[in-house]
Structure formats: structure tokens, C-alpha cells
Amino acid sequence: MSAQKSILYPLVAVLVLILIPVIGVKLGLSYFFAVVVPYAAFVIFFGGILCKIVNWARSPVPFRITTTCGQGKSFDWVKHNKFDNPFTNKQVFVRMVLEVLCFRSLFRNLKMELRDGPKLTYGSAKWLWLGALAFHWSFLIILLRHMRFFAQPVPGFVDMLQSVDGFFELGVPQLFLTDAVIVAALTYLFLRRVVVPQLRYISLPSDYFPLFLLFGLILSGIGMRYFFKVDIIKVKELAMSLVILKPTVPEGIGALFYVHLFMLCVLFAYFPFSKLTHMAGVFLSPTRNLANNSRYKRHVNPWDYPVKVHTYEEYEEEFREKMKEVGLPVEKE
């Protein structure tokens, strides 16, 4: 598939998804998009993630296949890289914390270039790490800020996050820093796939679809906050009714809210069946969550079935005379 089609198809798909709630609300299907779709997305998301986790947990991992990026533990006088080549479970825990919170492996990423000579060179490639870190942390903070719609009273840490996020107090309504950061990060991640020839060549529609879906989700949320009026009281009323399983749909919320909610539901329903499941998969990845102690402990495959072996003594007993004839040494005369 050409690069243009790989971009065009998911873009058209997202635009169609935006039109669905707009048309549906005009046809009087507000209850369907406000209640049925969110509950269905919730069930698909958690059911899909649970199935993924069960399948991963059932996969046999009899050997240590840890990804190592540094010196392993050996002699006392050889410096051991504890977190890039963990030896104990405590070191594995620290490695996982750094991986999940700071994207340590992505920070170590290098770019490879073939220059005049020809000469193969390696260099630092921190922009991808910075863009990914900015997107994931901004998205997490935005999700936590939205908890104010699902709890009464609002948790204290949510108010604290909102105060820190809007620290600069630019404009009215207050500009949240994460809104600007996540748009910049998504733009960078998209342009990176479009501009870099190698990435553009290997990128599939399934790589662009989540990006466009996130763009639709984020931009519709920004539109509701800064440009178009939405009744926040009614939005919270709907959210709280969904939480207590007594759904009520207030009148006059606005079509843009249903677009935003529908984009979120599609993202959640799509999540378990996409590459986005790396969020859960990183915790069950044997290349990350195992200690590299194969030098000190023998790991025997518990699923090995007994195999009949032909020992050397049996071999010599069978071919002793022939071995003597050709001059091969034997242990027993």
C-alpha cells in the first residue's frame, strides 16, 4: 500500500466517525451515544485487556530472555550495570519503574546513518523519547483531570493537578499546559512518520489511525473548553449517572460533546486490539520483567518431555570392533 493511501484511509475513517454522532444526535439518538456506546466501550475495553493479560500470563517462559544493555554480574572487580542488566528482583523492579515512568529504553535509542566513505555512524536520537514522554504524561494528566466529572466531592489531587497544569493562568478560560503539549507531541509523532522516508515506507494504516483518532479526541476537547460553549453541569450530571448505573441524559449538552465522547469510546474499544496494548504488555514482557541470573542459576524447561539418549558407553559397546579396525581409540578393550 502506498504512503498516501496509508494516511488517507485512516483519515477518512476518523472523519466518518466524527460525522456519526453529529448525525445521530440530530436524529434523536442522544441516549444511544450517551449511554449505550460508553457502556459497550467499557465492556470491550476491560474484556479485551483481560483476555490479552490471560493469554500473556499463560504463555510459557521457561528460560531467561532478558534484554540486556550493560555489563552483567560476574566478578566483584567488574562493575555491574544493575538496572540495564538486573540480577535481583529489586533491580528488576527499579528497571521497570524507570521503563514505565521515564521510557529508559527509548532514551537509550540511537539513530544509524550511512555517510560518505561509506561510513556507518551512530548518534543520539532523543526527540522520539521526548515526544513520546510528553504525549504519555500529558494524556495521563488530562485523564486524571477528567476525574472531576466522575466524583463528588472532587478528589484533592485532581484540584492540585488542575492548579499546576494551569499555573501560567493564560487567557479565559484558563489555558492548561498539557493541552498545548499533547497537541505538539501528537503533531511531532505524526510528522515523524510522514517526513522520515524509512518510517513512511514501513508505516501502515494501523499506525496512522490511532494518531488521527487521538487528534479528533484532543481537538474536540480543546474546542469545547476554549471555543464552543458546553454546559459542564449537565456533562457532570451525565457522567455521574453513568457511574452509579442510573443513566440520565440531560437536554442541550451539544453535538460537540457527543463527538468527543464517541471518539473516546472508539479509542477505548479499539485499544485491546491494537498496538496501544503495550501499556499493559510492558508489565508482562519477559524481556523486561526477568532477572538475568542465568550464570548463577540453571533454568530447566519444566515442559521438557523425557528423551531417550544414546550414551557414549552404549555407542562404544555397539561399534567397538569397527572402531578398533579403523584405529580409533576406545575406552574398553
Protein backbone atom coordinates (compact mmCIF):
# COMPACT_ATOMS: atom_id res chain seq x y z
CA MET A 1 0.00 0.00 0.00
CA SER A 2 1.32 3.46 -0.91
CA ALA A 3 2.15 6.02 1.75
CA GLN A 4 -0.65 8.32 0.55
CA LYS A 5 -3.27 5.58 0.96
CA SER A 6 -1.86 4.60 4.35
CA ILE A 7 -2.59 8.15 5.51
CA LEU A 8 -5.79 8.81 3.55
CA TYR A 9 -7.76 5.70 4.59
CA PRO A 10 -7.47 6.17 8.38
CA LEU A 11 -8.07 9.92 7.99
CA VAL A 12 -11.31 9.29 6.11
CA ALA A 13 -12.28 6.67 8.68
CA VAL A 14 -11.87 9.15 11.55
CA LEU A 15 -13.80 11.84 9.69
CA VAL A 16 -16.65 9.36 9.20
CA LEU A 17 -16.52 8.53 12.91
CA ILE A 18 -16.87 12.25 13.69
CA LEU A 19 -19.93 12.53 11.47
CA ILE A 20 -21.68 9.53 13.04
CA PRO A 21 -22.53 11.18 16.41
CA VAL A 22 -23.29 14.51 14.74
CA ILE A 23 -25.91 12.90 12.51
CA GLY A 24 -27.08 10.55 15.25
CA VAL A 25 -27.80 13.35 17.74
CA LYS A 26 -29.79 15.24 15.10
CA LEU A 27 -31.84 12.08 14.54
CA GLY A 28 -32.66 11.89 18.25
CA LEU A 29 -30.21 9.15 19.21
CA SER A 30 -28.68 11.04 22.15
CA TYR A 31 -29.41 8.21 24.59
CA PHE A 32 -27.63 5.70 22.34
CA PHE A 33 -24.44 7.80 22.12
CA ALA A 34 -24.54 8.96 25.75
CA VAL A 35 -25.33 5.61 27.42
CA VAL A 36 -25.19 2.55 25.16
CA VAL A 37 -21.94 3.39 23.40
CA PRO A 38 -19.96 4.25 26.59
CA TYR A 39 -21.10 1.09 28.39
CA ALA A 40 -20.29 -1.04 25.33
CA ALA A 41 -16.84 0.55 25.01
CA PHE A 42 -16.22 -0.04 28.73
CA VAL A 43 -17.07 -3.75 28.42
CA ILE A 44 -15.00 -4.20 25.25
CA PHE A 45 -12.01 -2.40 26.74
CA PHE A 46 -11.81 -4.30 30.01
CA GLY A 47 -12.86 -7.62 28.46
CA GLY A 48 -10.27 -7.28 25.71
CA ILE A 49 -7.48 -6.24 28.08
CA LEU A 50 -8.34 -9.10 30.45
CA CYS A 51 -8.20 -11.63 27.61
CA LYS A 52 -4.84 -10.23 26.50
CA ILE A 53 -3.40 -10.44 30.00
CA VAL A 54 -4.66 -14.01 30.48
CA ASN A 55 -3.12 -15.09 27.17
CA TRP A 56 0.19 -13.42 28.02
CA ALA A 57 0.22 -14.93 31.51
CA ARG A 58 -0.44 -18.41 30.11
CA SER A 59 2.47 -18.22 27.66
CA PRO A 60 5.30 -20.43 28.93
CA VAL A 61 8.60 -18.64 29.60
CA PRO A 62 10.92 -21.36 30.93
CA PHE A 63 14.16 -19.51 30.14
CA ARG A 64 15.55 -16.09 30.94
CA ILE A 65 15.34 -13.98 27.77
CA THR A 66 16.04 -10.64 29.41
CA THR A 67 17.09 -7.78 27.15
CA THR A 68 20.48 -6.68 28.42
CA CYS A 69 22.04 -3.30 27.73
CA GLY A 70 25.02 -3.35 30.08
CA GLN A 71 27.56 -5.43 31.95
CA GLY A 72 26.10 -8.43 33.73
CA LYS A 73 27.02 -9.51 37.24
CA SER A 74 30.23 -11.55 37.27
CA PHE A 75 33.39 -10.94 39.31
CA ASP A 76 33.34 -8.48 42.18
CA TRP A 77 36.00 -6.32 40.49
CA VAL A 78 33.92 -5.99 37.29
CA LYS A 79 31.41 -3.14 37.57
CA HIS A 80 27.86 -4.43 37.25
CA ASN A 81 25.20 -2.36 35.47
CA LYS A 82 22.38 -3.07 37.91
CA PHE A 83 19.43 -1.53 36.08
CA ASP A 84 20.30 -2.29 32.44
CA ASN A 85 21.26 -5.87 33.33
CA PRO A 86 19.38 -6.65 36.58
CA PHE A 87 20.44 -9.60 38.70
CA THR A 88 17.88 -9.47 41.53
CA ASN A 89 14.15 -8.85 41.65
CA LYS A 90 14.73 -5.50 43.36
CA GLN A 91 16.87 -4.38 40.45
CA VAL A 92 14.18 -5.60 38.05
CA PHE A 93 11.62 -3.51 39.94
CA VAL A 94 13.76 -0.37 39.58
CA ARG A 95 14.27 -1.12 35.90
CA MET A 96 10.52 -1.49 35.36
CA VAL A 97 9.81 1.76 37.20
CA LEU A 98 12.33 3.61 35.01
CA GLU A 99 10.88 1.93 31.92
CA VAL A 100 7.25 2.75 32.68
CA LEU A 101 7.70 6.26 34.05
CA CYS A 102 10.73 7.52 32.11
CA PHE A 103 10.89 5.32 28.96
CA ARG A 104 14.50 4.44 29.75
CA SER A 105 14.97 2.05 26.81
CA LEU A 106 13.66 4.67 24.39
CA PHE A 107 16.02 7.23 25.93
CA ARG A 108 18.91 4.91 25.00
CA ASN A 109 17.71 4.75 21.40
CA LEU A 110 20.29 5.59 18.72
CA LYS A 111 19.96 6.62 15.09
CA MET A 112 22.04 4.95 12.40
CA GLU A 113 23.23 6.75 9.26
CA LEU A 114 25.35 5.75 6.29
CA ARG A 115 27.63 8.64 5.40
CA ASP A 116 30.31 9.29 2.80
CA GLY A 117 33.11 6.81 2.83
CA PRO A 118 30.93 4.74 3.08
CA LYS A 119 30.90 5.00 6.85
CA LEU A 120 28.25 3.74 9.25
CA THR A 121 27.71 6.15 12.13
CA TYR A 122 25.55 6.12 15.23
CA GLY A 123 24.23 9.17 17.04
CA SER A 124 21.84 10.28 19.73
CA ALA A 125 18.11 10.24 18.95
CA LYS A 126 16.32 11.87 21.85
CA TRP A 127 13.48 13.62 20.01
CA LEU A 128 11.36 10.48 19.81
CA TRP A 129 11.89 9.86 23.53
CA LEU A 130 10.93 13.46 24.35
CA GLY A 131 7.84 13.39 22.11
CA ALA A 132 6.64 10.06 23.49
CA LEU A 133 7.25 11.14 27.08
CA ALA A 134 5.42 14.45 26.55
CA PHE A 135 2.43 12.73 24.95
CA HIS A 136 2.02 9.93 27.50
CA TRP A 137 2.40 12.14 30.57
CA SER A 138 0.11 14.83 29.15
CA PHE A 139 -2.52 12.25 28.30
CA LEU A 140 -2.31 10.76 31.80
CA ILE A 141 -2.69 14.17 33.45
CA ILE A 142 -5.66 15.02 31.22
CA LEU A 143 -7.34 11.73 32.14
CA LEU A 144 -6.78 12.39 35.84
CA ARG A 145 -8.17 15.93 35.48
CA HIS A 146 -11.34 14.47 33.97
CA MET A 147 -11.98 12.57 37.19
CA ARG A 148 -13.72 15.70 38.46
CA PHE A 149 -16.66 14.69 36.28
CA PHE A 150 -16.94 11.24 37.88
CA ALA A 151 -16.57 12.04 41.58
CA GLN A 152 -18.36 14.19 44.11
CA PRO A 153 -16.67 15.68 46.02
CA VAL A 154 -13.73 16.15 43.66
CA PRO A 155 -10.56 14.44 45.00
CA GLY A 156 -7.91 16.82 46.30
CA PHE A 157 -5.17 15.56 43.99
CA VAL A 158 -7.37 16.39 40.97
CA ASP A 159 -7.68 20.02 42.11
CA MET A 160 -3.93 20.09 42.70
CA LEU A 161 -3.20 18.75 39.20
CA GLN A 162 -5.52 21.30 37.66
CA SER A 163 -3.83 24.13 39.56
CA VAL A 164 -0.36 23.01 38.49
CA ASP A 165 -1.48 22.39 34.91
CA GLY A 166 -2.95 25.90 34.67
CA PHE A 167 -0.09 27.52 36.56
CA PHE A 168 0.55 30.22 33.94
CA GLU A 169 -3.10 31.37 34.03
CA LEU A 170 -3.13 32.46 30.40
CA GLY A 171 -6.47 33.64 28.99
CA VAL A 172 -10.04 32.96 29.98
CA PRO A 173 -10.85 30.15 30.36
CA GLN A 174 -7.55 29.16 31.92
CA LEU A 175 -5.10 27.56 29.46
CA PHE A 176 -3.88 24.15 30.53
CA LEU A 177 -0.27 23.43 29.67
CA THR A 178 -0.98 19.79 28.87
CA ASP A 179 -3.45 20.82 26.14
CA ALA A 180 -0.69 22.59 24.24
CA VAL A 181 1.93 19.93 24.96
CA ILE A 182 -0.18 16.98 23.81
CA VAL A 183 -1.10 18.69 20.52
CA ALA A 184 2.60 19.47 19.89
CA ALA A 185 3.61 15.90 20.79
CA LEU A 186 0.96 14.32 18.54
CA THR A 187 1.94 16.64 15.69
CA TYR A 188 5.59 15.61 16.07
CA LEU A 189 4.75 11.88 16.17
CA PHE A 190 2.65 12.27 13.02
CA LEU A 191 5.17 14.38 11.10
CA ARG A 192 7.96 11.98 12.07
CA ARG A 193 6.17 9.18 10.22
CA VAL A 194 5.47 11.40 7.22
CA VAL A 195 8.84 13.17 6.86
CA VAL A 196 11.32 10.35 7.62
CA PRO A 197 11.44 8.18 4.46
CA GLN A 198 12.27 4.94 6.28
CA LEU A 199 9.36 5.35 8.70
CA ARG A 200 6.98 6.45 5.95
CA TYR A 201 7.83 3.29 3.99
CA ILE A 202 7.02 0.88 6.84
CA SER A 203 4.03 2.80 8.28
CA LEU A 204 0.63 1.14 7.90
CA PRO A 205 -2.92 2.49 8.21
CA SER A 206 -3.00 0.90 11.68
CA ASP A 207 -0.15 3.25 12.65
CA TYR A 208 -1.93 6.41 11.50
CA PHE A 209 -5.45 5.53 12.68
CA PRO A 210 -4.71 5.91 16.43
CA LEU A 211 -2.95 9.22 15.75
CA PHE A 212 -5.93 10.65 13.87
CA LEU A 213 -8.31 9.24 16.48
CA LEU A 214 -6.32 10.95 19.24
CA PHE A 215 -6.27 14.18 17.23
CA GLY A 216 -10.06 14.04 16.98
CA LEU A 217 -10.40 13.34 20.69
CA ILE A 218 -7.98 16.07 21.82
CA LEU A 219 -9.12 18.76 19.38
CA SER A 220 -12.80 18.21 20.19
CA GLY A 221 -11.99 18.55 23.88
CA ILE A 222 -10.00 21.73 23.28
CA GLY A 223 -12.85 23.07 21.15
CA MET A 224 -15.33 22.52 23.97
CA ARG A 225 -13.14 24.23 26.53
CA TYR A 226 -11.86 27.26 24.63
CA PHE A 227 -14.11 27.95 21.66
CA PHE A 228 -17.61 26.44 21.94
CA LYS A 229 -19.86 26.58 24.98
CA VAL A 230 -20.82 23.30 26.62
CA ASP A 231 -22.88 23.02 29.78
CA ILE A 232 -20.36 21.49 32.21
CA ILE A 233 -23.04 20.95 34.88
CA LYS A 234 -25.05 18.76 32.52
CA VAL A 235 -21.91 16.90 31.43
CA LYS A 236 -21.12 16.06 35.06
CA GLU A 237 -24.72 15.06 35.64
CA LEU A 238 -24.47 12.57 32.76
CA ALA A 239 -21.07 11.28 33.92
CA MET A 240 -22.23 10.74 37.50
CA SER A 241 -25.37 8.94 36.32
CA LEU A 242 -23.23 6.56 34.25
CA VAL A 243 -21.01 5.84 37.25
CA ILE A 244 -23.91 4.90 39.55
CA LEU A 245 -25.55 2.85 36.75
CA LYS A 246 -28.63 5.07 36.65
CA PRO A 247 -28.10 6.85 33.33
CA THR A 248 -29.95 10.06 32.60
CA VAL A 249 -29.31 12.18 29.52
CA PRO A 250 -29.76 15.94 30.11
CA GLU A 251 -31.04 18.03 27.22
CA GLY A 252 -28.93 20.61 25.42
CA ILE A 253 -25.40 19.34 26.03
CA GLY A 254 -24.35 19.94 22.44
CA ALA A 255 -23.24 17.82 19.48
CA LEU A 256 -19.52 18.54 20.01
CA PHE A 257 -19.64 16.80 23.37
CA TYR A 258 -21.08 13.68 21.74
CA VAL A 259 -18.28 13.78 19.16
CA HIS A 260 -15.74 13.97 21.98
CA LEU A 261 -17.41 11.14 23.90
CA PHE A 262 -17.72 8.98 20.81
CA MET A 263 -14.04 9.45 19.93
CA LEU A 264 -13.13 8.39 23.46
CA CYS A 265 -15.36 5.32 23.27
CA VAL A 266 -13.93 4.27 19.90
CA LEU A 267 -10.41 4.68 21.28
CA PHE A 268 -11.22 2.52 24.32
CA ALA A 269 -12.92 -0.16 22.21
CA TYR A 270 -10.06 -0.17 19.71
CA PHE A 271 -7.38 -0.23 22.39
CA PRO A 272 -7.21 -4.00 23.19
CA PHE A 273 -6.92 -4.94 19.51
CA SER A 274 -4.15 -2.51 18.58
CA LYS A 275 -0.52 -1.75 19.27
CA LEU A 276 -1.70 0.52 22.07
CA THR A 277 -1.83 -2.52 24.37
CA HIS A 278 1.90 -2.02 25.00
CA MET A 279 0.63 -0.07 28.03
CA ALA A 280 -0.32 -3.39 29.67
CA GLY A 281 2.11 -5.61 27.80
CA VAL A 282 5.23 -3.95 29.20
CA PHE A 283 4.46 -5.41 32.65
CA LEU A 284 4.25 -8.96 31.27
CA SER A 285 7.17 -8.76 28.87
CA PRO A 286 9.79 -11.42 29.79
CA THR A 287 12.47 -9.31 28.14
CA ARG A 288 11.87 -6.65 30.82
CA ASN A 289 10.45 -8.29 33.94
CA LEU A 290 13.01 -11.06 34.47
CA ALA A 291 16.35 -11.01 36.24
CA ASN A 292 19.37 -12.02 34.18
CA ASN A 293 20.81 -14.65 36.53
CA SER A 294 21.47 -17.49 34.09
CA ARG A 295 25.17 -17.51 35.05
CA TYR A 296 24.30 -18.32 38.66
CA LYS A 297 21.17 -20.41 38.40
CA ARG A 298 20.30 -23.14 35.96
CA HIS A 299 16.85 -22.77 34.44
CA VAL A 300 15.43 -26.09 33.29
CA ASN A 301 12.42 -26.17 30.99
CA PRO A 302 9.63 -27.76 33.09
CA TRP A 303 7.78 -28.72 29.90
CA ASP A 304 10.62 -30.87 28.53
CA TYR A 305 9.46 -34.43 27.98
CA PRO A 306 11.89 -37.32 28.70
CA VAL A 307 14.13 -38.08 25.74
CA LYS A 308 15.93 -41.40 25.31
CA VAL A 309 19.61 -40.63 24.84
CA HIS A 310 22.36 -42.76 23.34
CA THR A 311 25.33 -42.51 25.70
CA TYR A 312 28.94 -42.82 24.60
CA GLU A 313 29.29 -46.09 26.53
CA GLU A 314 26.38 -47.55 24.55
CA TYR A 315 27.83 -46.19 21.32
CA GLU A 316 31.25 -47.76 22.00
CA GLU A 317 29.67 -51.06 23.01
CA GLU A 318 27.89 -51.15 19.66
CA PHE A 319 30.80 -50.11 17.41
CA ARG A 320 33.90 -51.20 19.41
CA GLU A 321 35.20 -53.73 16.92
CA LYS A 322 34.72 -51.39 13.96
CA MET A 323 36.44 -48.58 15.85
CA LYS A 324 39.43 -50.83 16.53
CA GLU A 325 39.63 -51.80 12.86
CA VAL A 326 39.99 -48.18 11.73
CA GLY A 327 42.35 -47.28 14.56
CA LEU A 328 40.03 -45.21 16.71
CA PRO A 329 40.83 -45.22 20.44
CA VAL A 330 38.39 -47.00 22.73
CA GLU A 331 37.99 -46.84 26.49
CA LYS A 332 37.45 -50.60 26.92
CA GLU A 333 39.48 -53.24 25.11
